[in-house]
Amino acid sequence: YSRSHTDLHSFTGDLTEESLARPVQNPWVPELAGTVAQILMQ
């Protein structure tokens, strides 16, 4: 959890409103892709 939390905290610390709209591909289940904002909400 410490590794996961550090990674998530670091990633969200660098967010901008524009970056939230960036599309994100899902390499494991391509039909479950979304934007950065949608993936973070997931």
PDB file of all heavy atoms in Angstrom:
ATOM      1  N   TYR A   1       0.830  -1.208   0.000  1.00  0.00           N
ATOM      2  CA  TYR A   1       0.000   0.000   0.000  1.00  0.00           C
ATOM      3  C   TYR A   1       0.862   1.254   0.000  1.00  0.00           C
ATOM      4  O   TYR A   1       0.533   2.239  -0.656  1.00  0.00           O
ATOM      5  CB  TYR A   1      -0.940   0.020   1.216  1.00  0.00           C
ATOM      6  CG  TYR A   1      -2.252  -0.676   0.971  1.00  0.00           C
ATOM      7  CD1 TYR A   1      -2.387  -2.045   1.197  1.00  0.00           C
ATOM      8  CD2 TYR A   1      -3.355   0.028   0.526  1.00  0.00           C
ATOM      9  CE1 TYR A   1      -3.591  -2.683   0.987  1.00  0.00           C
ATOM     10  CE2 TYR A   1      -4.568  -0.605   0.318  1.00  0.00           C
ATOM     11  CZ  TYR A   1      -4.684  -1.965   0.548  1.00  0.00           C
ATOM     12  OH  TYR A   1      -5.883  -2.587   0.328  1.00  0.00           O
ATOM     13  N   SER A   2       1.955   1.233   0.730  1.00  0.00           N
ATOM     14  CA  SER A   2       2.828   2.398   0.775  1.00  0.00           C
ATOM     15  C   SER A   2       3.328   2.745  -0.624  1.00  0.00           C
ATOM     16  O   SER A   2       3.317   3.917  -1.026  1.00  0.00           O
ATOM     17  CB  SER A   2       4.005   2.144   1.716  1.00  0.00           C
ATOM     18  OG  SER A   2       4.852   3.264   1.751  1.00  0.00           O
ATOM     19  N   ARG A   3       3.735   1.731  -1.381  1.00  0.00           N
ATOM     20  CA  ARG A   3       4.183   1.971  -2.767  1.00  0.00           C
ATOM     21  C   ARG A   3       3.042   2.514  -3.613  1.00  0.00           C
ATOM     22  O   ARG A   3       3.210   3.471  -4.367  1.00  0.00           O
ATOM     23  CB  ARG A   3       4.734   0.675  -3.377  1.00  0.00           C
ATOM     24  CG  ARG A   3       6.097   0.289  -2.859  1.00  0.00           C
ATOM     25  CD  ARG A   3       6.748  -0.808  -3.704  1.00  0.00           C
ATOM     26  NE  ARG A   3       5.965  -2.030  -3.826  1.00  0.00           N
ATOM     27  CZ  ARG A   3       5.942  -3.012  -2.934  1.00  0.00           C
ATOM     28  NH1 ARG A   3       6.638  -2.914  -1.824  1.00  0.00           N
ATOM     29  NH2 ARG A   3       5.215  -4.090  -3.146  1.00  0.00           N
ATOM     30  N   SER A   4       1.877   1.888  -3.496  1.00  0.00           N
ATOM     31  CA  SER A   4       0.730   2.331  -4.276  1.00  0.00           C
ATOM     32  C   SER A   4       0.348   3.765  -3.934  1.00  0.00           C
ATOM     33  O   SER A   4       0.129   4.597  -4.812  1.00  0.00           O
ATOM     34  CB  SER A   4      -0.461   1.399  -4.024  1.00  0.00           C
ATOM     35  OG  SER A   4      -1.602   1.894  -4.688  1.00  0.00           O
ATOM     36  N   HIS A   5       0.282   4.072  -2.647  1.00  0.00           N
ATOM     37  CA  HIS A   5      -0.112   5.411  -2.212  1.00  0.00           C
ATOM     38  C   HIS A   5       0.898   6.467  -2.646  1.00  0.00           C
ATOM     39  O   HIS A   5       0.520   7.562  -3.073  1.00  0.00           O
ATOM     40  CB  HIS A   5      -0.279   5.439  -0.699  1.00  0.00           C
ATOM     41  CG  HIS A   5      -1.445   4.636  -0.227  1.00  0.00           C
ATOM     42  ND1 HIS A   5      -1.547   4.215   1.079  1.00  0.00           N
ATOM     43  CD2 HIS A   5      -2.552   4.178  -0.854  1.00  0.00           C
ATOM     44  CE1 HIS A   5      -2.675   3.534   1.229  1.00  0.00           C
ATOM     45  NE2 HIS A   5      -3.303   3.493   0.062  1.00  0.00           N
ATOM     46  N   THR A   6       2.172   6.142  -2.533  1.00  0.00           N
ATOM     47  CA  THR A   6       3.205   7.089  -2.963  1.00  0.00           C
ATOM     48  C   THR A   6       3.059   7.382  -4.451  1.00  0.00           C
ATOM     49  O   THR A   6       3.122   8.541  -4.873  1.00  0.00           O
ATOM     50  CB  THR A   6       4.606   6.536  -2.635  1.00  0.00           C
ATOM     51  OG1 THR A   6       4.703   6.369  -1.215  1.00  0.00           O
ATOM     52  CG2 THR A   6       5.700   7.475  -3.116  1.00  0.00           C
ATOM     53  N   ASP A   7       2.856   6.340  -5.243  1.00  0.00           N
ATOM     54  CA  ASP A   7       2.685   6.519  -6.692  1.00  0.00           C
ATOM     55  C   ASP A   7       1.454   7.364  -7.018  1.00  0.00           C
ATOM     56  O   ASP A   7       1.520   8.287  -7.839  1.00  0.00           O
ATOM     57  CB  ASP A   7       2.580   5.166  -7.396  1.00  0.00           C
ATOM     58  CG  ASP A   7       3.889   4.396  -7.415  1.00  0.00           C
ATOM     59  OD1 ASP A   7       4.954   4.987  -7.137  1.00  0.00           O
ATOM     60  OD2 ASP A   7       3.839   3.175  -7.705  1.00  0.00           O
ATOM     61  N   LEU A   8       0.325   7.060  -6.389  1.00  0.00           N
ATOM     62  CA  LEU A   8      -0.901   7.811  -6.668  1.00  0.00           C
ATOM     63  C   LEU A   8      -0.783   9.264  -6.217  1.00  0.00           C
ATOM     64  O   LEU A   8      -1.210  10.185  -6.926  1.00  0.00           O
ATOM     65  CB  LEU A   8      -2.106   7.148  -5.992  1.00  0.00           C
ATOM     66  CG  LEU A   8      -2.606   5.864  -6.617  1.00  0.00           C
ATOM     67  CD1 LEU A   8      -3.659   5.210  -5.718  1.00  0.00           C
ATOM     68  CD2 LEU A   8      -3.171   6.116  -8.006  1.00  0.00           C
ATOM     69  N   HIS A   9      -0.208   9.477  -5.044  1.00  0.00           N
ATOM     70  CA  HIS A   9      -0.037  10.832  -4.528  1.00  0.00           C
ATOM     71  C   HIS A   9       0.866  11.643  -5.460  1.00  0.00           C
ATOM     72  O   HIS A   9       0.567  12.788  -5.788  1.00  0.00           O
ATOM     73  CB  HIS A   9       0.540  10.770  -3.113  1.00  0.00           C
ATOM     74  CG  HIS A   9       0.727  12.096  -2.486  1.00  0.00           C
ATOM     75  ND1 HIS A   9      -0.318  12.894  -2.089  1.00  0.00           N
ATOM     76  CD2 HIS A   9       1.846  12.790  -2.186  1.00  0.00           C
ATOM     77  CE1 HIS A   9       0.156  14.011  -1.571  1.00  0.00           C
ATOM     78  NE2 HIS A   9       1.466  13.965  -1.622  1.00  0.00           N
ATOM     79  N   SER A  10       1.942  11.051  -5.901  1.00  0.00           N
ATOM     80  CA  SER A  10       2.867  11.729  -6.813  1.00  0.00           C
ATOM     81  C   SER A  10       2.187  12.044  -8.145  1.00  0.00           C
ATOM     82  O   SER A  10       2.299  13.156  -8.664  1.00  0.00           O
ATOM     83  CB  SER A  10       4.100  10.849  -7.038  1.00  0.00           C
ATOM     84  OG  SER A  10       4.957  11.443  -7.970  1.00  0.00           O
ATOM     85  N   PHE A  11       1.473  11.059  -8.682  1.00  0.00           N
ATOM     86  CA  PHE A  11       0.798  11.261  -9.967  1.00  0.00           C
ATOM     87  C   PHE A  11      -0.237  12.377  -9.876  1.00  0.00           C
ATOM     88  O   PHE A  11      -0.285  13.259 -10.731  1.00  0.00           O
ATOM     89  CB  PHE A  11       0.130   9.960 -10.440  1.00  0.00           C
ATOM     90  CG  PHE A  11      -0.577  10.113 -11.756  1.00  0.00           C
ATOM     91  CD1 PHE A  11       0.143  10.068 -12.932  1.00  0.00           C
ATOM     92  CD2 PHE A  11      -1.947  10.323 -11.814  1.00  0.00           C
ATOM     93  CE1 PHE A  11      -0.490  10.229 -14.166  1.00  0.00           C
ATOM     94  CE2 PHE A  11      -2.592  10.488 -13.029  1.00  0.00           C
ATOM     95  CZ  PHE A  11      -1.864  10.439 -14.211  1.00  0.00           C
ATOM     96  N   THR A  12      -1.059  12.357  -8.855  1.00  0.00           N
ATOM     97  CA  THR A  12      -2.118  13.371  -8.763  1.00  0.00           C
ATOM     98  C   THR A  12      -1.561  14.743  -8.411  1.00  0.00           C
ATOM     99  O   THR A  12      -2.179  15.753  -8.724  1.00  0.00           O
ATOM    100  CB  THR A  12      -3.212  12.964  -7.750  1.00  0.00           C
ATOM    101  OG1 THR A  12      -2.630  12.758  -6.467  1.00  0.00           O
ATOM    102  CG2 THR A  12      -3.941  11.709  -8.214  1.00  0.00           C
ATOM    103  N   GLY A  13      -0.390  14.786  -7.805  1.00  0.00           N
ATOM    104  CA  GLY A  13       0.233  16.070  -7.498  1.00  0.00           C
ATOM    105  C   GLY A  13       0.615  16.845  -8.740  1.00  0.00           C
ATOM    106  O   GLY A  13       0.723  18.073  -8.705  1.00  0.00           O
ATOM    107  N   ASP A  14       0.809  16.143  -9.847  1.00  0.00           N
ATOM    108  CA  ASP A  14       1.213  16.786 -11.101  1.00  0.00           C
ATOM    109  C   ASP A  14       0.053  17.014 -12.071  1.00  0.00           C
ATOM    110  O   ASP A  14       0.272  17.428 -13.206  1.00  0.00           O
ATOM    111  CB  ASP A  14       2.274  15.924 -11.807  1.00  0.00           C
ATOM    112  CG  ASP A  14       3.572  15.847 -11.022  1.00  0.00           C
ATOM    113  OD1 ASP A  14       3.866  16.790 -10.254  1.00  0.00           O
ATOM    114  OD2 ASP A  14       4.288  14.831 -11.161  1.00  0.00           O
ATOM    115  N   LEU A  15      -1.171  16.766 -11.646  1.00  0.00           N
ATOM    116  CA  LEU A  15      -2.319  16.914 -12.545  1.00  0.00           C
ATOM    117  C   LEU A  15      -2.603  18.371 -12.897  1.00  0.00           C
ATOM    118  O   LEU A  15      -2.358  19.269 -12.099  1.00  0.00           O
ATOM    119  CB  LEU A  15      -3.578  16.332 -11.897  1.00  0.00           C
ATOM    120  CG  LEU A  15      -3.691  14.828 -11.784  1.00  0.00           C
ATOM    121  CD1 LEU A  15      -4.956  14.454 -11.021  1.00  0.00           C
ATOM    122  CD2 LEU A  15      -3.678  14.175 -13.155  1.00  0.00           C
ATOM    123  N   THR A  16      -3.145  18.542 -14.097  1.00  0.00           N
ATOM    124  CA  THR A  16      -3.707  19.823 -14.524  1.00  0.00           C
ATOM    125  C   THR A  16      -5.101  19.530 -15.046  1.00  0.00           C
ATOM    126  O   THR A  16      -5.442  18.371 -15.319  1.00  0.00           O
ATOM    127  CB  THR A  16      -2.878  20.465 -15.653  1.00  0.00           C
ATOM    128  OG1 THR A  16      -2.943  19.593 -16.811  1.00  0.00           O
ATOM    129  CG2 THR A  16      -1.417  20.669 -15.240  1.00  0.00           C
ATOM    130  N   GLU A  17      -5.899  20.573 -15.197  1.00  0.00           N
ATOM    131  CA  GLU A  17      -7.245  20.365 -15.757  1.00  0.00           C
ATOM    132  C   GLU A  17      -7.143  19.727 -17.140  1.00  0.00           C
ATOM    133  O   GLU A  17      -7.944  18.844 -17.474  1.00  0.00           O
ATOM    134  CB  GLU A  17      -8.012  21.693 -15.823  1.00  0.00           C
ATOM    135  CG  GLU A  17      -8.372  22.272 -14.466  1.00  0.00           C
ATOM    136  CD  GLU A  17      -9.336  21.403 -13.652  1.00  0.00           C
ATOM    137  OE1 GLU A  17     -10.201  20.730 -14.229  1.00  0.00           O
ATOM    138  OE2 GLU A  17      -9.202  21.408 -12.414  1.00  0.00           O
ATOM    139  N   GLU A  18      -6.162  20.129 -17.924  1.00  0.00           N
ATOM    140  CA  GLU A  18      -6.000  19.568 -19.270  1.00  0.00           C
ATOM    141  C   GLU A  18      -5.609  18.090 -19.214  1.00  0.00           C
ATOM    142  O   GLU A  18      -6.082  17.285 -20.015  1.00  0.00           O
ATOM    143  CB  GLU A  18      -4.940  20.350 -20.059  1.00  0.00           C
ATOM    144  CG  GLU A  18      -5.295  21.793 -20.341  1.00  0.00           C
ATOM    145  CD  GLU A  18      -5.103  22.716 -19.120  1.00  0.00           C
ATOM    146  OE1 GLU A  18      -4.183  22.478 -18.302  1.00  0.00           O
ATOM    147  OE2 GLU A  18      -5.911  23.644 -18.968  1.00  0.00           O
ATOM    148  N   SER A  19      -4.745  17.748 -18.277  1.00  0.00           N
ATOM    149  CA  SER A  19      -4.292  16.352 -18.216  1.00  0.00           C
ATOM    150  C   SER A  19      -5.411  15.405 -17.806  1.00  0.00           C
ATOM    151  O   SER A  19      -5.376  14.219 -18.148  1.00  0.00           O
ATOM    152  CB  SER A  19      -3.087  16.206 -17.280  1.00  0.00           C
ATOM    153  OG  SER A  19      -3.435  16.449 -15.938  1.00  0.00           O
ATOM    154  N   LEU A  20      -6.419  15.904 -17.098  1.00  0.00           N
ATOM    155  CA  LEU A  20      -7.546  15.046 -16.708  1.00  0.00           C
ATOM    156  C   LEU A  20      -8.313  14.520 -17.915  1.00  0.00           C
ATOM    157  O   LEU A  20      -8.919  13.457 -17.854  1.00  0.00           O
ATOM    158  CB  LEU A  20      -8.503  15.801 -15.790  1.00  0.00           C
ATOM    159  CG  LEU A  20      -8.005  16.076 -14.385  1.00  0.00           C
ATOM    160  CD1 LEU A  20      -9.041  16.912 -13.633  1.00  0.00           C
ATOM    161  CD2 LEU A  20      -7.710  14.788 -13.641  1.00  0.00           C
ATOM    162  N   ALA A  21      -8.282  15.250 -19.005  1.00  0.00           N
ATOM    163  CA  ALA A  21      -9.027  14.860 -20.209  1.00  0.00           C
ATOM    164  C   ALA A  21      -8.230  13.940 -21.131  1.00  0.00           C
ATOM    165  O   ALA A  21      -8.780  13.430 -22.120  1.00  0.00           O
ATOM    166  CB  ALA A  21      -9.453  16.113 -20.975  1.00  0.00           C
ATOM    167  N   ARG A  22      -6.974  13.700 -20.815  1.00  0.00           N
ATOM    168  CA  ARG A  22      -6.140  12.853 -21.672  1.00  0.00           C
ATOM    169  C   ARG A  22      -6.696  11.431 -21.718  1.00  0.00           C
ATOM    170  O   ARG A  22      -6.983  10.829 -20.690  1.00  0.00           O
ATOM    171  CB  ARG A  22      -4.699  12.830 -21.141  1.00  0.00           C
ATOM    172  CG  ARG A  22      -3.767  11.905 -21.941  1.00  0.00           C
ATOM    173  CD  ARG A  22      -2.338  11.941 -21.424  1.00  0.00           C
ATOM    174  NE  ARG A  22      -2.168  11.571 -20.038  1.00  0.00           N
ATOM    175  CZ  ARG A  22      -2.010  10.324 -19.597  1.00  0.00           C
ATOM    176  NH1 ARG A  22      -2.063   9.297 -20.432  1.00  0.00           N
ATOM    177  NH2 ARG A  22      -1.821  10.099 -18.307  1.00  0.00           N
ATOM    178  N   PRO A  23      -6.834  10.868 -22.932  1.00  0.00           N
ATOM    179  CA  PRO A  23      -7.295   9.475 -23.037  1.00  0.00           C
ATOM    180  C   PRO A  23      -6.231   8.510 -22.506  1.00  0.00           C
ATOM    181  O   PRO A  23      -5.039   8.734 -22.671  1.00  0.00           O
ATOM    182  CB  PRO A  23      -7.494   9.250 -24.537  1.00  0.00           C
ATOM    183  CG  PRO A  23      -7.325  10.569 -25.191  1.00  0.00           C
ATOM    184  CD  PRO A  23      -6.644  11.488 -24.232  1.00  0.00           C
ATOM    185  N   VAL A  24      -6.698   7.459 -21.878  1.00  0.00           N
ATOM    186  CA  VAL A  24      -5.812   6.425 -21.326  1.00  0.00           C
ATOM    187  C   VAL A  24      -6.248   5.088 -21.909  1.00  0.00           C
ATOM    188  O   VAL A  24      -7.417   4.725 -21.828  1.00  0.00           O
ATOM    189  CB  VAL A  24      -5.912   6.382 -19.781  1.00  0.00           C
ATOM    190  CG1 VAL A  24      -5.042   5.268 -19.224  1.00  0.00           C
ATOM    191  CG2 VAL A  24      -5.541   7.717 -19.168  1.00  0.00           C
ATOM    192  N   GLN A  25      -5.298   4.387 -22.497  1.00  0.00           N
ATOM    193  CA  GLN A  25      -5.575   3.069 -23.040  1.00  0.00           C
ATOM    194  C   GLN A  25      -5.443   2.028 -21.940  1.00  0.00           C
ATOM    195  O   GLN A  25      -4.634   2.156 -21.034  1.00  0.00           O
ATOM    196  CB  GLN A  25      -4.607   2.751 -24.184  1.00  0.00           C
ATOM    197  CG  GLN A  25      -4.727   3.698 -25.359  1.00  0.00           C
ATOM    198  CD  GLN A  25      -6.140   3.754 -25.904  1.00  0.00           C
ATOM    199  OE1 GLN A  25      -6.754   2.724 -26.166  1.00  0.00           O
ATOM    200  NE2 GLN A  25      -6.678   4.967 -26.056  1.00  0.00           N
ATOM    201  N   ASN A  26      -6.259   0.989 -22.054  1.00  0.00           N
ATOM    202  CA  ASN A  26      -6.194  -0.121 -21.117  1.00  0.00           C
ATOM    203  C   ASN A  26      -5.576  -1.302 -21.864  1.00  0.00           C
ATOM    204  O   ASN A  26      -6.236  -1.918 -22.700  1.00  0.00           O
ATOM    205  CB  ASN A  26      -7.600  -0.466 -20.614  1.00  0.00           C
ATOM    206  CG  ASN A  26      -7.597  -1.547 -19.568  1.00  0.00           C
ATOM    207  OD1 ASN A  26      -6.734  -2.414 -19.551  1.00  0.00           O
ATOM    208  ND2 ASN A  26      -8.585  -1.502 -18.691  1.00  0.00           N
ATOM    209  N   PRO A  27      -4.300  -1.616 -21.576  1.00  0.00           N
ATOM    210  CA  PRO A  27      -3.651  -2.693 -22.320  1.00  0.00           C
ATOM    211  C   PRO A  27      -4.199  -4.073 -22.003  1.00  0.00           C
ATOM    212  O   PRO A  27      -4.016  -5.008 -22.772  1.00  0.00           O
ATOM    213  CB  PRO A  27      -2.179  -2.571 -21.906  1.00  0.00           C
ATOM    214  CG  PRO A  27      -2.200  -1.876 -20.594  1.00  0.00           C
ATOM    215  CD  PRO A  27      -3.415  -0.989 -20.599  1.00  0.00           C
ATOM    216  N   TRP A  28      -4.881  -4.225 -20.868  1.00  0.00           N
ATOM    217  CA  TRP A  28      -5.391  -5.529 -20.456  1.00  0.00           C
ATOM    218  C   TRP A  28      -6.811  -5.758 -20.949  1.00  0.00           C
ATOM    219  O   TRP A  28      -7.161  -6.866 -21.326  1.00  0.00           O
ATOM    220  CB  TRP A  28      -5.323  -5.674 -18.935  1.00  0.00           C
ATOM    221  CG  TRP A  28      -3.914  -5.568 -18.443  1.00  0.00           C
ATOM    222  CD1 TRP A  28      -2.955  -6.544 -18.501  1.00  0.00           C
ATOM    223  CD2 TRP A  28      -3.283  -4.434 -17.863  1.00  0.00           C
ATOM    224  NE1 TRP A  28      -1.763  -6.079 -17.985  1.00  0.00           N
ATOM    225  CE2 TRP A  28      -1.943  -4.780 -17.569  1.00  0.00           C
ATOM    226  CE3 TRP A  28      -3.713  -3.146 -17.539  1.00  0.00           C
ATOM    227  CZ2 TRP A  28      -1.041  -3.903 -16.992  1.00  0.00           C
ATOM    228  CZ3 TRP A  28      -2.808  -2.266 -16.948  1.00  0.00           C
ATOM    229  CH2 TRP A  28      -1.499  -2.651 -16.688  1.00  0.00           C
ATOM    230  N   VAL A  29      -7.632  -4.700 -20.906  1.00  0.00           N
ATOM    231  CA  VAL A  29      -9.030  -4.796 -21.364  1.00  0.00           C
ATOM    232  C   VAL A  29      -9.319  -3.519 -22.174  1.00  0.00           C
ATOM    233  O   VAL A  29      -9.809  -2.529 -21.634  1.00  0.00           O
ATOM    234  CB  VAL A  29     -10.006  -4.919 -20.166  1.00  0.00           C
ATOM    235  CG1 VAL A  29     -11.421  -5.205 -20.647  1.00  0.00           C
ATOM    236  CG2 VAL A  29      -9.547  -5.985 -19.187  1.00  0.00           C
ATOM    237  N   PRO A  30      -8.983  -3.528 -23.475  1.00  0.00           N
ATOM    238  CA  PRO A  30      -9.062  -2.308 -24.283  1.00  0.00           C
ATOM    239  C   PRO A  30     -10.421  -1.602 -24.259  1.00  0.00           C
ATOM    240  O   PRO A  30     -10.484  -0.375 -24.314  1.00  0.00           O
ATOM    241  CB  PRO A  30      -8.729  -2.802 -25.693  1.00  0.00           C
ATOM    242  CG  PRO A  30      -7.891  -4.022 -25.470  1.00  0.00           C
ATOM    243  CD  PRO A  30      -8.444  -4.657 -24.215  1.00  0.00           C
ATOM    244  N   GLU A  31     -11.498  -2.349 -24.117  1.00  0.00           N
ATOM    245  CA  GLU A  31     -12.817  -1.706 -24.108  1.00  0.00           C
ATOM    246  C   GLU A  31     -13.103  -0.961 -22.805  1.00  0.00           C
ATOM    247  O   GLU A  31     -14.083  -0.249 -22.693  1.00  0.00           O
ATOM    248  CB  GLU A  31     -13.944  -2.696 -24.426  1.00  0.00           C
ATOM    249  CG  GLU A  31     -14.060  -3.866 -23.491  1.00  0.00           C
ATOM    250  CD  GLU A  31     -13.167  -5.051 -23.840  1.00  0.00           C
ATOM    251  OE1 GLU A  31     -12.289  -4.940 -24.704  1.00  0.00           O
ATOM    252  OE2 GLU A  31     -13.361  -6.101 -23.218  1.00  0.00           O
ATOM    253  N   LEU A  32     -12.235  -1.102 -21.817  1.00  0.00           N
ATOM    254  CA  LEU A  32     -12.397  -0.393 -20.545  1.00  0.00           C
ATOM    255  C   LEU A  32     -11.377   0.738 -20.414  1.00  0.00           C
ATOM    256  O   LEU A  32     -10.769   0.937 -19.374  1.00  0.00           O
ATOM    257  CB  LEU A  32     -12.274  -1.355 -19.363  1.00  0.00           C
ATOM    258  CG  LEU A  32     -13.347  -2.431 -19.272  1.00  0.00           C
ATOM    259  CD1 LEU A  32     -13.127  -3.305 -18.045  1.00  0.00           C
ATOM    260  CD2 LEU A  32     -14.738  -1.817 -19.238  1.00  0.00           C
ATOM    261  N   ALA A  33     -11.203   1.481 -21.484  1.00  0.00           N
ATOM    262  CA  ALA A  33     -10.325   2.650 -21.475  1.00  0.00           C
ATOM    263  C   ALA A  33     -11.134   3.860 -21.022  1.00  0.00           C
ATOM    264  O   ALA A  33     -12.353   3.796 -20.892  1.00  0.00           O
ATOM    265  CB  ALA A  33      -9.749   2.873 -22.867  1.00  0.00           C
ATOM    266  N   GLY A  34     -10.475   4.972 -20.772  1.00  0.00           N
ATOM    267  CA  GLY A  34     -11.161   6.196 -20.370  1.00  0.00           C
ATOM    268  C   GLY A  34     -10.185   7.343 -20.308  1.00  0.00           C
ATOM    269  O   GLY A  34      -9.044   7.227 -20.750  1.00  0.00           O
ATOM    270  N   THR A  35     -10.608   8.436 -19.740  1.00  0.00           N
ATOM    271  CA  THR A  35      -9.717   9.576 -19.546  1.00  0.00           C
ATOM    272  C   THR A  35      -8.986   9.421 -18.218  1.00  0.00           C
ATOM    273  O   THR A  35      -9.358   8.579 -17.381  1.00  0.00           O
ATOM    274  CB  THR A  35     -10.504  10.894 -19.526  1.00  0.00           C
ATOM    275  OG1 THR A  35     -11.365  10.888 -18.379  1.00  0.00           O
ATOM    276  CG2 THR A  35     -11.315  11.098 -20.809  1.00  0.00           C
ATOM    277  N   VAL A  36      -7.997  10.250 -18.000  1.00  0.00           N
ATOM    278  CA  VAL A  36      -7.278  10.242 -16.722  1.00  0.00           C
ATOM    279  C   VAL A  36      -8.267  10.431 -15.577  1.00  0.00           C
ATOM    280  O   VAL A  36      -8.229   9.699 -14.575  1.00  0.00           O
ATOM    281  CB  VAL A  36      -6.181  11.327 -16.699  1.00  0.00           C
ATOM    282  CG1 VAL A  36      -5.632  11.533 -15.288  1.00  0.00           C
ATOM    283  CG2 VAL A  36      -5.058  10.974 -17.670  1.00  0.00           C
ATOM    284  N   ALA A  37      -9.177  11.397 -15.712  1.00  0.00           N
ATOM    285  CA  ALA A  37     -10.165  11.644 -14.651  1.00  0.00           C
ATOM    286  C   ALA A  37     -11.028  10.415 -14.403  1.00  0.00           C
ATOM    287  O   ALA A  37     -11.282  10.049 -13.248  1.00  0.00           O
ATOM    288  CB  ALA A  37     -11.040  12.842 -15.010  1.00  0.00           C
ATOM    289  N   GLN A  38     -11.472   9.758 -15.457  1.00  0.00           N
ATOM    290  CA  GLN A  38     -12.325   8.581 -15.306  1.00  0.00           C
ATOM    291  C   GLN A  38     -11.568   7.417 -14.667  1.00  0.00           C
ATOM    292  O   GLN A  38     -12.116   6.711 -13.812  1.00  0.00           O
ATOM    293  CB  GLN A  38     -12.895   8.170 -16.665  1.00  0.00           C
ATOM    294  CG  GLN A  38     -13.901   9.167 -17.193  1.00  0.00           C
ATOM    295  CD  GLN A  38     -14.220   8.962 -18.665  1.00  0.00           C
ATOM    296  OE1 GLN A  38     -13.413   8.430 -19.435  1.00  0.00           O
ATOM    297  NE2 GLN A  38     -15.413   9.391 -19.056  1.00  0.00           N
ATOM    298  N   ILE A  39     -10.329   7.233 -15.047  1.00  0.00           N
ATOM    299  CA  ILE A  39      -9.530   6.149 -14.470  1.00  0.00           C
ATOM    300  C   ILE A  39      -9.265   6.421 -12.993  1.00  0.00           C
ATOM    301  O   ILE A  39      -9.373   5.516 -12.149  1.00  0.00           O
ATOM    302  CB  ILE A  39      -8.209   5.949 -15.249  1.00  0.00           C
ATOM    303  CG1 ILE A  39      -8.487   5.559 -16.701  1.00  0.00           C
ATOM    304  CG2 ILE A  39      -7.303   4.950 -14.547  1.00  0.00           C
ATOM    305  CD1 ILE A  39      -9.317   4.301 -16.908  1.00  0.00           C
ATOM    306  N   LEU A  40      -8.953   7.662 -12.644  1.00  0.00           N
ATOM    307  CA  LEU A  40      -8.743   7.985 -11.230  1.00  0.00           C
ATOM    308  C   LEU A  40     -10.018   7.794 -10.419  1.00  0.00           C
ATOM    309  O   LEU A  40      -9.968   7.296  -9.288  1.00  0.00           O
ATOM    310  CB  LEU A  40      -8.205   9.411 -11.080  1.00  0.00           C
ATOM    311  CG  LEU A  40      -6.728   9.558 -11.443  1.00  0.00           C
ATOM    312  CD1 LEU A  40      -6.345  11.030 -11.539  1.00  0.00           C
ATOM    313  CD2 LEU A  40      -5.845   8.821 -10.449  1.00  0.00           C
ATOM    314  N   MET A  41     -11.151   8.157 -10.980  1.00  0.00           N
ATOM    315  CA  MET A  41     -12.417   7.922 -10.276  1.00  0.00           C
ATOM    316  C   MET A  41     -12.668   6.435 -10.101  1.00  0.00           C
ATOM    317  O   MET A  41     -13.164   6.004  -9.057  1.00  0.00           O
ATOM    318  CB  MET A  41     -13.589   8.599 -10.993  1.00  0.00           C
ATOM    319  CG  MET A  41     -13.592  10.108 -10.846  1.00  0.00           C
ATOM    320  SD  MET A  41     -13.547  10.694  -9.125  1.00  0.00           S
ATOM    321  CE  MET A  41     -15.057  10.010  -8.480  1.00  0.00           C
ATOM    322  N   GLN A  42     -12.291   5.629 -11.084  1.00  0.00           N
ATOM    323  CA  GLN A  42     -12.418   4.177 -10.951  1.00  0.00           C
ATOM    324  C   GLN A  42     -11.564   3.672  -9.791  1.00  0.00           C
ATOM    325  O   GLN A  42     -12.022   2.874  -8.970  1.00  0.00           O
ATOM    326  CB  GLN A  42     -12.010   3.471 -12.251  1.00  0.00           C
ATOM    327  CG  GLN A  42     -11.925   1.962 -12.150  1.00  0.00           C
ATOM    328  CD  GLN A  42     -13.226   1.286 -11.748  1.00  0.00           C
ATOM    329  OE1 GLN A  42     -14.308   1.797 -12.013  1.00  0.00           O
ATOM    330  NE2 GLN A  42     -13.117   0.135 -11.110  1.00  0.00           N
TER     331      GLN A  42
END
